Amino acid sequence: MADLSVFTTDFMATRVGQALQLFATHVTPQGLAQATGMERRTVDAHRGAESAPCLAKLMRYAVVLPAGFLSHVVAPAGFAVWRLESAGVISPPETLAEMAARLHLLASALADGVLDHRERAQLAPQMRQLGTLLTSFAGQLEGRQP
């Protein structure tokens, strides 16, 4: 089980800032502000981990950025989001972030040296999705369509 004391505003600001750095590489901060309906200075504050977005703003980011964005943010709580139906072409940074999120879940579960029934139930689908992701990415590297 996750240590609930780590979920502070500063921790969430850092997670969102990291996720924006990883998953908003294809859009300028001004473009992201326009796409989300937020002010540029708000987006800059979130990118710089100076402040954590409220839930409504987090959801605005989630709508316009790849699924890996939200996965990165919520992974410490034991959740991951990956939209199989919209996976399409997977960039190397997205692949790395998805792998990191799922491996973080595995490492957290193994921290106490025991995988209990809840952890196994949670990890099984995450590891299957990771396998699907890596198979698709390998196909892209080999020149096959996703």
C-alpha atoms as a PDB file:
ATOM      1  CA  MET A   1       0.000   0.000   0.000  1.00  0.00           C
ATOM      2  CA  ALA A   2       1.212   3.510  -0.809  1.00  0.00           C
ATOM      3  CA  ASP A   3       2.480   5.757   1.953  1.00  0.00           C
ATOM      4  CA  LEU A   4      -0.260   8.393   2.138  1.00  0.00           C
ATOM      5  CA  SER A   5       2.018  10.961   3.748  1.00  0.00           C
ATOM      6  CA  VAL A   6       3.883  11.459   0.444  1.00  0.00           C
ATOM      7  CA  PHE A   7       0.796  12.881  -1.278  1.00  0.00           C
ATOM      8  CA  THR A   8       1.404  16.533  -0.537  1.00  0.00           C
ATOM      9  CA  THR A   9       0.713  19.547  -2.720  1.00  0.00           C
ATOM     10  CA  ASP A  10       4.442  19.837  -3.453  1.00  0.00           C
ATOM     11  CA  PHE A  11       4.621  16.160  -4.439  1.00  0.00           C
ATOM     12  CA  MET A  12       1.668  16.570  -6.821  1.00  0.00           C
ATOM     13  CA  ALA A  13       3.151  19.750  -8.288  1.00  0.00           C
ATOM     14  CA  THR A  14       6.349  17.821  -8.995  1.00  0.00           C
ATOM     15  CA  ARG A  15       4.479  14.867 -10.572  1.00  0.00           C
ATOM     16  CA  VAL A  16       2.426  17.169 -12.811  1.00  0.00           C
ATOM     17  CA  GLY A  17       5.511  19.191 -13.743  1.00  0.00           C
ATOM     18  CA  GLN A  18       7.385  16.002 -14.699  1.00  0.00           C
ATOM     19  CA  ALA A  19       4.416  14.715 -16.682  1.00  0.00           C
ATOM     20  CA  LEU A  20       4.094  17.990 -18.576  1.00  0.00           C
ATOM     21  CA  GLN A  21       7.809  17.893 -19.390  1.00  0.00           C
ATOM     22  CA  LEU A  22       7.464  14.321 -20.700  1.00  0.00           C
ATOM     23  CA  PHE A  23       4.154  14.490 -22.537  1.00  0.00           C
ATOM     24  CA  ALA A  24       3.772  18.083 -23.738  1.00  0.00           C
ATOM     25  CA  THR A  25       6.879  18.043 -25.927  1.00  0.00           C
ATOM     26  CA  HIS A  26       4.813  18.325 -29.118  1.00  0.00           C
ATOM     27  CA  VAL A  27       3.098  21.569 -28.079  1.00  0.00           C
ATOM     28  CA  THR A  28       4.389  24.946 -26.954  1.00  0.00           C
ATOM     29  CA  PRO A  29       3.388  26.272 -23.539  1.00  0.00           C
ATOM     30  CA  GLN A  30       1.255  28.910 -25.314  1.00  0.00           C
ATOM     31  CA  GLY A  31      -0.372  26.200 -27.439  1.00  0.00           C
ATOM     32  CA  LEU A  32      -1.062  24.136 -24.329  1.00  0.00           C
ATOM     33  CA  ALA A  33      -2.595  27.168 -22.635  1.00  0.00           C
ATOM     34  CA  GLN A  34      -4.876  27.728 -25.621  1.00  0.00           C
ATOM     35  CA  ALA A  35      -5.828  24.053 -25.902  1.00  0.00           C
ATOM     36  CA  THR A  36      -6.734  23.832 -22.217  1.00  0.00           C
ATOM     37  CA  GLY A  37      -8.291  27.282 -21.860  1.00  0.00           C
ATOM     38  CA  MET A  38      -5.795  28.221 -19.131  1.00  0.00           C
ATOM     39  CA  GLU A  39      -3.575  31.261 -18.858  1.00  0.00           C
ATOM     40  CA  ARG A  40      -0.002  30.877 -20.064  1.00  0.00           C
ATOM     41  CA  ARG A  41       1.391  31.794 -16.640  1.00  0.00           C
ATOM     42  CA  THR A  42      -0.696  29.009 -15.066  1.00  0.00           C
ATOM     43  CA  VAL A  43       0.699  26.465 -17.537  1.00  0.00           C
ATOM     44  CA  ASP A  44       4.222  27.764 -16.877  1.00  0.00           C
ATOM     45  CA  ALA A  45       3.701  27.426 -13.109  1.00  0.00           C
ATOM     46  CA  HIS A  46       2.512  23.841 -13.545  1.00  0.00           C
ATOM     47  CA  ARG A  47       5.380  22.966 -15.925  1.00  0.00           C
ATOM     48  CA  GLY A  48       7.861  24.386 -13.433  1.00  0.00           C
ATOM     49  CA  ALA A  49       6.258  22.501 -10.519  1.00  0.00           C
ATOM     50  CA  GLU A  50       5.655  25.828  -8.784  1.00  0.00           C
ATOM     51  CA  SER A  51       2.007  24.940  -8.175  1.00  0.00           C
ATOM     52  CA  ALA A  52      -0.257  21.923  -8.461  1.00  0.00           C
ATOM     53  CA  PRO A  53      -3.348  22.162 -10.651  1.00  0.00           C
ATOM     54  CA  CYS A  54      -6.795  21.653  -9.192  1.00  0.00           C
ATOM     55  CA  LEU A  55      -8.658  18.574 -10.378  1.00  0.00           C
ATOM     56  CA  ALA A  56     -10.530  20.487 -13.093  1.00  0.00           C
ATOM     57  CA  LYS A  57      -7.280  21.782 -14.605  1.00  0.00           C
ATOM     58  CA  LEU A  58      -5.651  18.372 -14.314  1.00  0.00           C
ATOM     59  CA  MET A  59      -8.537  16.943 -16.344  1.00  0.00           C
ATOM     60  CA  ARG A  60      -8.102  19.676 -18.969  1.00  0.00           C
ATOM     61  CA  TYR A  61      -4.487  18.552 -19.416  1.00  0.00           C
ATOM     62  CA  ALA A  62      -5.593  14.918 -19.541  1.00  0.00           C
ATOM     63  CA  VAL A  63      -8.004  15.656 -22.400  1.00  0.00           C
ATOM     64  CA  VAL A  64      -5.386  17.284 -24.638  1.00  0.00           C
ATOM     65  CA  LEU A  65      -2.267  15.257 -23.767  1.00  0.00           C
ATOM     66  CA  PRO A  66      -1.469  11.554 -24.330  1.00  0.00           C
ATOM     67  CA  ALA A  67      -2.808   9.046 -21.795  1.00  0.00           C
ATOM     68  CA  GLY A  68       0.675   8.639 -20.372  1.00  0.00           C
ATOM     69  CA  PHE A  69       0.377  12.114 -18.854  1.00  0.00           C
ATOM     70  CA  LEU A  70      -2.348  11.102 -16.438  1.00  0.00           C
ATOM     71  CA  SER A  71      -0.700   7.721 -15.857  1.00  0.00           C
ATOM     72  CA  HIS A  72       2.463   9.448 -14.714  1.00  0.00           C
ATOM     73  CA  VAL A  73       0.552  11.687 -12.327  1.00  0.00           C
ATOM     74  CA  VAL A  74      -1.549   8.941 -10.705  1.00  0.00           C
ATOM     75  CA  ALA A  75       0.967   6.060 -10.784  1.00  0.00           C
ATOM     76  CA  PRO A  76       2.173   6.608  -7.182  1.00  0.00           C
ATOM     77  CA  ALA A  77      -1.391   5.957  -6.026  1.00  0.00           C
ATOM     78  CA  GLY A  78      -1.374   2.595  -7.805  1.00  0.00           C
ATOM     79  CA  PHE A  79      -3.286   3.628 -10.909  1.00  0.00           C
ATOM     80  CA  ALA A  80      -2.349   3.824 -14.547  1.00  0.00           C
ATOM     81  CA  VAL A  81      -4.221   5.030 -17.590  1.00  0.00           C
ATOM     82  CA  TRP A  82      -3.543   3.756 -21.060  1.00  0.00           C
ATOM     83  CA  ARG A  83      -6.026   4.085 -23.870  1.00  0.00           C
ATOM     84  CA  LEU A  84      -5.503   1.011 -26.037  1.00  0.00           C
ATOM     85  CA  GLU A  85      -8.009   2.214 -28.621  1.00  0.00           C
ATOM     86  CA  SER A  86      -6.069   5.441 -29.207  1.00  0.00           C
ATOM     87  CA  ALA A  87      -2.533   4.126 -28.846  1.00  0.00           C
ATOM     88  CA  GLY A  88      -1.631   4.600 -32.525  1.00  0.00           C
ATOM     89  CA  VAL A  89       1.951   5.691 -32.991  1.00  0.00           C
ATOM     90  CA  ILE A  90       3.825   5.598 -29.706  1.00  0.00           C
ATOM     91  CA  SER A  91       6.775   7.941 -29.291  1.00  0.00           C
ATOM     92  CA  PRO A  92       9.919   6.840 -27.472  1.00  0.00           C
ATOM     93  CA  PRO A  93       9.311   9.306 -24.570  1.00  0.00           C
ATOM     94  CA  GLU A  94       5.734   8.040 -24.185  1.00  0.00           C
ATOM     95  CA  THR A  95       6.959   4.451 -24.228  1.00  0.00           C
ATOM     96  CA  LEU A  96       9.596   5.204 -21.608  1.00  0.00           C
ATOM     97  CA  ALA A  97       7.089   7.032 -19.393  1.00  0.00           C
ATOM     98  CA  GLU A  98       4.559   4.187 -19.672  1.00  0.00           C
ATOM     99  CA  MET A  99       7.288   1.669 -18.784  1.00  0.00           C
ATOM    100  CA  ALA A 100       8.420   3.791 -15.843  1.00  0.00           C
ATOM    101  CA  ALA A 101       4.873   4.126 -14.501  1.00  0.00           C
ATOM    102  CA  ARG A 102       4.268   0.378 -14.604  1.00  0.00           C
ATOM    103  CA  LEU A 103       7.687  -0.501 -13.217  1.00  0.00           C
ATOM    104  CA  HIS A 104       7.057   1.974 -10.397  1.00  0.00           C
ATOM    105  CA  LEU A 105       3.893   0.029  -9.549  1.00  0.00           C
ATOM    106  CA  LEU A 106       5.897  -3.205  -9.506  1.00  0.00           C
ATOM    107  CA  ALA A 107       8.690  -1.705  -7.392  1.00  0.00           C
ATOM    108  CA  SER A 108       6.186  -0.264  -4.907  1.00  0.00           C
ATOM    109  CA  ALA A 109       4.454  -3.617  -4.600  1.00  0.00           C
ATOM    110  CA  LEU A 110       7.767  -5.416  -4.056  1.00  0.00           C
ATOM    111  CA  ALA A 111       9.073  -2.891  -1.502  1.00  0.00           C
ATOM    112  CA  ASP A 112       7.890  -4.995   1.440  1.00  0.00           C
ATOM    113  CA  GLY A 113       9.152  -8.226  -0.154  1.00  0.00           C
ATOM    114  CA  VAL A 114       5.672  -9.740  -0.587  1.00  0.00           C
ATOM    115  CA  LEU A 115       3.122  -9.620  -3.394  1.00  0.00           C
ATOM    116  CA  ASP A 116      -0.258 -10.001  -1.736  1.00  0.00           C
ATOM    117  CA  HIS A 117      -3.449 -10.946  -3.595  1.00  0.00           C
ATOM    118  CA  ARG A 118      -4.495  -7.306  -4.129  1.00  0.00           C
ATOM    119  CA  GLU A 119      -1.109  -6.360  -5.548  1.00  0.00           C
ATOM    120  CA  ARG A 120      -1.089  -9.387  -7.866  1.00  0.00           C
ATOM    121  CA  ALA A 121      -4.586  -8.530  -9.089  1.00  0.00           C
ATOM    122  CA  GLN A 122      -3.525  -4.946  -9.758  1.00  0.00           C
ATOM    123  CA  LEU A 123      -0.184  -5.798 -11.373  1.00  0.00           C
ATOM    124  CA  ALA A 124      -1.370  -8.513 -13.763  1.00  0.00           C
ATOM    125  CA  PRO A 125      -3.331  -6.226 -16.130  1.00  0.00           C
ATOM    126  CA  GLN A 126      -0.676  -3.509 -15.864  1.00  0.00           C
ATOM    127  CA  MET A 127       2.063  -5.924 -16.932  1.00  0.00           C
ATOM    128  CA  ARG A 128      -0.120  -7.237 -19.774  1.00  0.00           C
ATOM    129  CA  GLN A 129      -0.672  -3.663 -20.998  1.00  0.00           C
ATOM    130  CA  LEU A 130       3.059  -3.045 -20.755  1.00  0.00           C
ATOM    131  CA  GLY A 131       3.667  -6.122 -22.904  1.00  0.00           C
ATOM    132  CA  THR A 132       1.155  -4.886 -25.486  1.00  0.00           C
ATOM    133  CA  LEU A 133       2.773  -1.449 -25.487  1.00  0.00           C
ATOM    134  CA  LEU A 134       6.267  -2.857 -25.949  1.00  0.00           C
ATOM    135  CA  THR A 135       5.133  -5.218 -28.710  1.00  0.00           C
ATOM    136  CA  SER A 136       3.523  -2.321 -30.560  1.00  0.00           C
ATOM    137  CA  PHE A 137       6.571  -0.124 -30.092  1.00  0.00           C
ATOM    138  CA  ALA A 138       8.895  -2.910 -31.284  1.00  0.00           C
ATOM    139  CA  GLY A 139       6.732  -3.239 -34.385  1.00  0.00           C
ATOM    140  CA  GLN A 140       7.097   0.475 -35.043  1.00  0.00           C
ATOM    141  CA  LEU A 141      10.880   0.177 -34.708  1.00  0.00           C
ATOM    142  CA  GLU A 142      10.845  -2.628 -37.244  1.00  0.00           C
ATOM    143  CA  GLY A 143       8.854  -0.470 -39.647  1.00  0.00           C
ATOM    144  CA  ARG A 144       5.503  -2.177 -39.195  1.00  0.00           C
ATOM    145  CA  GLN A 145       2.368  -0.121 -38.616  1.00  0.00           C
ATOM    146  CA  PRO A 146       0.982  -0.089 -35.072  1.00  0.00           C
END
